[in-house]
N, C-alpha and C. Protein backbone atom coordinates (compact mmCIF):
# COMPACT_ATOMS: atom_id res chain seq x y z
N MET A 1 96.72 114.68 32.99
CA MET A 1 97.33 114.61 34.31
C MET A 1 96.54 115.54 35.23
N SER A 2 96.21 115.06 36.38
CA SER A 2 95.42 115.84 37.33
C SER A 2 96.29 116.92 37.98
N THR A 3 95.62 117.84 38.66
CA THR A 3 96.36 118.92 39.32
C THR A 3 97.17 118.38 40.49
N ALA A 4 96.67 117.34 41.15
CA ALA A 4 97.43 116.74 42.25
C ALA A 4 98.71 116.11 41.72
N ALA A 5 98.61 115.43 40.58
CA ALA A 5 99.79 114.80 39.99
C ALA A 5 100.78 115.85 39.52
N LYS A 6 100.30 116.95 38.97
CA LYS A 6 101.19 118.03 38.53
C LYS A 6 101.92 118.66 39.71
N SER A 7 101.20 118.89 40.80
CA SER A 7 101.85 119.49 41.96
C SER A 7 102.84 118.53 42.60
N LEU A 8 102.53 117.23 42.62
CA LEU A 8 103.47 116.25 43.16
C LEU A 8 104.70 116.12 42.28
N LEU A 9 104.53 116.26 40.96
CA LEU A 9 105.67 116.24 40.06
C LEU A 9 106.59 117.42 40.32
N ILE A 10 106.02 118.59 40.52
CA ILE A 10 106.83 119.78 40.81
C ILE A 10 107.55 119.62 42.14
N LEU A 11 106.84 119.11 43.16
CA LEU A 11 107.48 118.90 44.47
C LEU A 11 108.60 117.87 44.38
N THR A 12 108.40 116.83 43.60
CA THR A 12 109.44 115.81 43.43
C THR A 12 110.67 116.40 42.76
N LEU A 13 110.46 117.17 41.71
CA LEU A 13 111.60 117.78 41.01
C LEU A 13 112.33 118.78 41.89
N LEU A 14 111.58 119.61 42.62
CA LEU A 14 112.22 120.60 43.48
C LEU A 14 113.03 119.96 44.60
N SER A 15 112.46 118.94 45.23
CA SER A 15 113.19 118.30 46.32
C SER A 15 114.39 117.51 45.79
N GLY A 16 114.27 116.95 44.59
CA GLY A 16 115.40 116.24 43.99
C GLY A 16 116.54 117.19 43.63
N PHE A 17 116.20 118.33 43.04
CA PHE A 17 117.23 119.32 42.72
C PHE A 17 117.87 119.89 43.97
N ALA A 18 117.06 120.15 44.99
CA ALA A 18 117.59 120.68 46.25
C ALA A 18 118.51 119.67 46.92
N ALA A 19 118.16 118.40 46.86
CA ALA A 19 119.00 117.36 47.46
C ALA A 19 120.31 117.24 46.71
N ALA A 20 120.28 117.46 45.40
CA ALA A 20 121.51 117.35 44.61
C ALA A 20 122.41 118.57 44.81
N LEU A 21 121.83 119.72 45.03
CA LEU A 21 122.63 120.95 45.11
C LEU A 21 123.12 121.28 46.52
N LEU A 22 122.35 120.92 47.53
CA LEU A 22 122.76 121.24 48.90
C LEU A 22 123.79 120.24 49.40
N PRO A 23 124.66 120.67 50.29
CA PRO A 23 125.61 119.72 50.89
C PRO A 23 124.87 118.68 51.74
N GLU A 24 125.51 117.55 51.95
CA GLU A 24 124.88 116.42 52.65
C GLU A 24 124.53 116.75 54.09
N GLU A 25 125.33 117.56 54.77
CA GLU A 25 125.08 117.80 56.19
C GLU A 25 123.92 118.75 56.44
N THR A 26 123.46 119.47 55.41
CA THR A 26 122.32 120.37 55.61
C THR A 26 121.09 119.82 54.89
N LEU A 27 120.30 119.06 55.59
CA LEU A 27 119.03 118.52 55.11
C LEU A 27 119.15 117.58 53.91
N GLY A 28 120.30 117.01 53.66
CA GLY A 28 120.49 116.16 52.49
C GLY A 28 119.65 114.91 52.52
N SER A 29 119.70 114.19 53.64
CA SER A 29 118.94 112.94 53.71
C SER A 29 117.44 113.19 53.84
N ALA A 30 117.05 114.27 54.49
CA ALA A 30 115.63 114.58 54.62
C ALA A 30 115.03 114.92 53.26
N LEU A 31 115.79 115.60 52.43
CA LEU A 31 115.30 115.94 51.10
C LEU A 31 115.20 114.70 50.20
N LEU A 32 116.10 113.76 50.37
CA LEU A 32 116.01 112.52 49.60
C LEU A 32 114.80 111.69 50.02
N ILE A 33 114.50 111.68 51.32
CA ILE A 33 113.32 110.98 51.81
C ILE A 33 112.06 111.67 51.29
N ALA A 34 112.05 113.00 51.30
CA ALA A 34 110.90 113.74 50.77
C ALA A 34 110.73 113.49 49.27
N CYS A 35 111.84 113.43 48.55
CA CYS A 35 111.78 113.18 47.11
C CYS A 35 111.19 111.80 46.83
N GLY A 36 111.61 110.81 47.57
CA GLY A 36 111.08 109.46 47.39
C GLY A 36 109.62 109.36 47.75
N SER A 37 109.20 110.03 48.81
CA SER A 37 107.79 109.96 49.19
C SER A 37 106.91 110.72 48.20
N PHE A 38 107.39 111.87 47.71
CA PHE A 38 106.63 112.60 46.69
C PHE A 38 106.53 111.79 45.41
N PHE A 39 107.58 111.07 45.06
CA PHE A 39 107.55 110.25 43.85
C PHE A 39 106.56 109.10 43.98
N SER A 40 106.53 108.47 45.15
CA SER A 40 105.57 107.38 45.33
C SER A 40 104.14 107.90 45.32
N LEU A 41 103.91 109.07 45.91
CA LEU A 41 102.58 109.66 45.85
C LEU A 41 102.21 110.08 44.43
N LEU A 42 103.20 110.51 43.66
CA LEU A 42 102.97 110.85 42.26
C LEU A 42 102.53 109.62 41.47
N LEU A 43 103.18 108.51 41.70
CA LEU A 43 102.78 107.27 41.01
C LEU A 43 101.37 106.86 41.39
N LEU A 44 101.03 106.99 42.66
CA LEU A 44 99.67 106.66 43.09
C LEU A 44 98.65 107.60 42.47
N ALA A 45 98.98 108.89 42.36
CA ALA A 45 98.06 109.85 41.74
C ALA A 45 97.89 109.56 40.26
N LEU A 46 98.95 109.12 39.60
CA LEU A 46 98.84 108.79 38.19
C LEU A 46 98.01 107.54 37.97
N ILE A 47 98.17 106.57 38.85
CA ILE A 47 97.38 105.34 38.73
C ILE A 47 95.92 105.62 39.06
N ALA A 48 95.66 106.41 40.08
CA ALA A 48 94.28 106.71 40.47
C ALA A 48 93.59 107.59 39.44
N GLY A 49 94.33 108.44 38.76
CA GLY A 49 93.73 109.34 37.79
C GLY A 49 93.49 108.71 36.44
N ARG A 50 93.96 107.52 36.27
CA ARG A 50 93.79 106.82 34.99
C ARG A 50 92.35 106.38 34.82
N LYS A 51 91.79 106.69 33.70
CA LYS A 51 90.40 106.32 33.45
C LYS A 51 90.38 105.02 32.65
N ILE A 52 89.94 103.97 33.31
CA ILE A 52 89.87 102.67 32.66
C ILE A 52 88.44 102.47 32.18
N LYS A 53 88.29 102.31 30.89
CA LYS A 53 86.97 102.13 30.31
C LYS A 53 86.70 100.63 30.16
N PHE A 54 85.59 100.21 30.71
CA PHE A 54 85.20 98.82 30.64
C PHE A 54 84.11 98.68 29.58
N ASP A 55 84.36 97.88 28.58
CA ASP A 55 83.40 97.64 27.52
C ASP A 55 82.93 96.19 27.63
N PRO A 56 81.71 95.97 28.13
CA PRO A 56 81.27 94.60 28.32
C PRO A 56 81.00 93.85 27.01
N VAL A 57 80.78 94.58 25.93
CA VAL A 57 80.54 93.95 24.65
C VAL A 57 81.86 93.83 23.89
N LEU A 58 82.30 92.61 23.69
CA LEU A 58 83.54 92.41 22.95
C LEU A 58 83.25 92.55 21.47
N ARG A 59 84.02 93.37 20.81
CA ARG A 59 83.77 93.61 19.39
C ARG A 59 84.76 92.87 18.54
């Protein structure tokens, strides 16, 4: 896992926990939006960091 993916995972977890613990009227919806955007960026970082090896010779 790349460092970008690790940092996005930490940000996703922190914003998710903060959204669950804080009351709804104090930044509740903004934290849920941040959690969703960090999660989508995490998925993109995981897909981009994947090393796909192409072997032209079929064995």
